[in-house]
Amino acid sequence: MSDHATGCFGYTALVIDAYADTIVGWECSTSKETAFAESAIR
């Protein structure tokens, strides 16, 4: 048994520049609220 299994989810939001094929912003959170995704854009 592993001590790392907590039953929690983590979310990652990525902002991708499709023309340049690069990641221009990202954010990780345990919540999927709107503010979480908006912070990846800034």
N, C-alpha and C. Protein backbone atom coordinates (compact mmCIF):
# COMPACT_ATOMS: atom_id res chain seq x y z
N MET A 1 0.84 -1.19 0.00
CA MET A 1 0.00 0.00 0.00
C MET A 1 0.88 1.25 0.00
N SER A 2 0.43 2.23 -0.73
CA SER A 2 1.16 3.49 -0.81
C SER A 2 0.55 4.53 0.11
N ASP A 3 1.36 5.35 0.71
CA ASP A 3 0.88 6.44 1.56
C ASP A 3 0.43 7.65 0.74
N HIS A 4 0.63 7.60 -0.58
CA HIS A 4 0.33 8.75 -1.43
C HIS A 4 -1.11 8.77 -1.93
N ALA A 5 -1.87 7.74 -1.73
CA ALA A 5 -3.25 7.68 -2.22
C ALA A 5 -4.16 8.44 -1.26
N THR A 6 -4.57 9.64 -1.66
CA THR A 6 -5.39 10.48 -0.79
C THR A 6 -6.82 10.59 -1.28
N GLY A 7 -7.09 10.20 -2.51
CA GLY A 7 -8.44 10.33 -3.05
C GLY A 7 -8.76 11.73 -3.52
N CYS A 8 -7.77 12.61 -3.62
CA CYS A 8 -7.97 13.99 -4.08
C CYS A 8 -7.60 14.11 -5.54
N PHE A 9 -8.19 15.09 -6.18
CA PHE A 9 -7.88 15.37 -7.57
C PHE A 9 -7.10 16.66 -7.67
N GLY A 10 -6.23 16.73 -8.65
CA GLY A 10 -5.52 17.96 -8.96
C GLY A 10 -5.87 18.36 -10.38
N TYR A 11 -6.00 19.65 -10.61
CA TYR A 11 -6.37 20.16 -11.93
C TYR A 11 -5.25 21.05 -12.45
N THR A 12 -5.01 20.97 -13.74
CA THR A 12 -4.02 21.81 -14.40
C THR A 12 -4.67 22.50 -15.58
N ALA A 13 -4.52 23.82 -15.64
CA ALA A 13 -5.01 24.61 -16.77
C ALA A 13 -3.81 25.06 -17.58
N LEU A 14 -3.85 24.84 -18.87
CA LEU A 14 -2.76 25.25 -19.76
C LEU A 14 -3.30 26.25 -20.77
N VAL A 15 -2.51 27.30 -21.03
CA VAL A 15 -2.81 28.25 -22.10
C VAL A 15 -1.77 28.01 -23.18
N ILE A 16 -2.25 27.60 -24.35
CA ILE A 16 -1.35 27.20 -25.43
C ILE A 16 -1.46 28.17 -26.60
N ASP A 17 -0.32 28.66 -27.05
CA ASP A 17 -0.25 29.48 -28.27
C ASP A 17 -0.14 28.49 -29.43
N ALA A 18 -1.23 28.27 -30.12
CA ALA A 18 -1.26 27.27 -31.18
C ALA A 18 -0.37 27.65 -32.36
N TYR A 19 -0.22 28.95 -32.63
CA TYR A 19 0.61 29.38 -33.75
C TYR A 19 2.09 29.12 -33.47
N ALA A 20 2.53 29.47 -32.25
CA ALA A 20 3.94 29.29 -31.89
C ALA A 20 4.21 27.90 -31.32
N ASP A 21 3.13 27.13 -31.06
CA ASP A 21 3.24 25.77 -30.52
C ASP A 21 4.00 25.75 -29.19
N THR A 22 3.62 26.69 -28.30
CA THR A 22 4.25 26.76 -26.99
C THR A 22 3.19 26.97 -25.91
N ILE A 23 3.53 26.58 -24.69
CA ILE A 23 2.67 26.84 -23.54
C ILE A 23 3.06 28.21 -23.00
N VAL A 24 2.09 29.13 -22.95
CA VAL A 24 2.38 30.49 -22.51
C VAL A 24 1.88 30.78 -21.10
N GLY A 25 1.13 29.86 -20.51
CA GLY A 25 0.67 30.03 -19.14
C GLY A 25 0.13 28.72 -18.59
N TRP A 26 0.24 28.56 -17.29
CA TRP A 26 -0.29 27.36 -16.65
C TRP A 26 -0.57 27.64 -15.19
N GLU A 27 -1.43 26.83 -14.62
CA GLU A 27 -1.78 26.94 -13.20
C GLU A 27 -2.26 25.58 -12.72
N CYS A 28 -1.92 25.22 -11.49
CA CYS A 28 -2.37 23.98 -10.86
C CYS A 28 -3.19 24.32 -9.62
N SER A 29 -4.23 23.51 -9.36
CA SER A 29 -5.09 23.75 -8.21
C SER A 29 -5.82 22.48 -7.84
N THR A 30 -6.35 22.45 -6.63
CA THR A 30 -7.22 21.35 -6.22
C THR A 30 -8.68 21.71 -6.43
N SER A 31 -8.94 22.93 -6.91
CA SER A 31 -10.29 23.41 -7.17
C SER A 31 -10.43 23.71 -8.66
N LYS A 32 -11.62 23.54 -9.21
CA LYS A 32 -11.82 23.87 -10.62
C LYS A 32 -12.75 25.06 -10.79
N GLU A 33 -12.58 26.04 -9.91
CA GLU A 33 -13.36 27.27 -9.99
C GLU A 33 -12.86 28.14 -11.14
N THR A 34 -13.67 29.11 -11.53
CA THR A 34 -13.34 29.99 -12.65
C THR A 34 -12.05 30.76 -12.41
N ALA A 35 -11.83 31.24 -11.20
CA ALA A 35 -10.63 32.03 -10.89
C ALA A 35 -9.35 31.23 -11.14
N PHE A 36 -9.40 29.94 -10.92
CA PHE A 36 -8.25 29.08 -11.17
C PHE A 36 -7.86 29.11 -12.66
N ALA A 37 -8.83 28.94 -13.53
CA ALA A 37 -8.55 28.94 -14.96
C ALA A 37 -8.15 30.34 -15.45
N GLU A 38 -8.76 31.37 -14.90
CA GLU A 38 -8.42 32.73 -15.29
C GLU A 38 -6.99 33.09 -14.90
N SER A 39 -6.50 32.57 -13.80
CA SER A 39 -5.14 32.89 -13.38
C SER A 39 -4.10 32.29 -14.33
N ALA A 40 -4.43 31.25 -15.04
CA ALA A 40 -3.51 30.68 -16.02
C ALA A 40 -3.36 31.60 -17.23
N ILE A 41 -4.42 32.36 -17.51
CA ILE A 41 -4.37 33.27 -18.67
C ILE A 41 -3.51 34.49 -18.40
N ARG A 42 -3.46 34.93 -17.17
CA ARG A 42 -2.71 36.15 -16.84
C ARG A 42 -1.25 35.94 -16.82
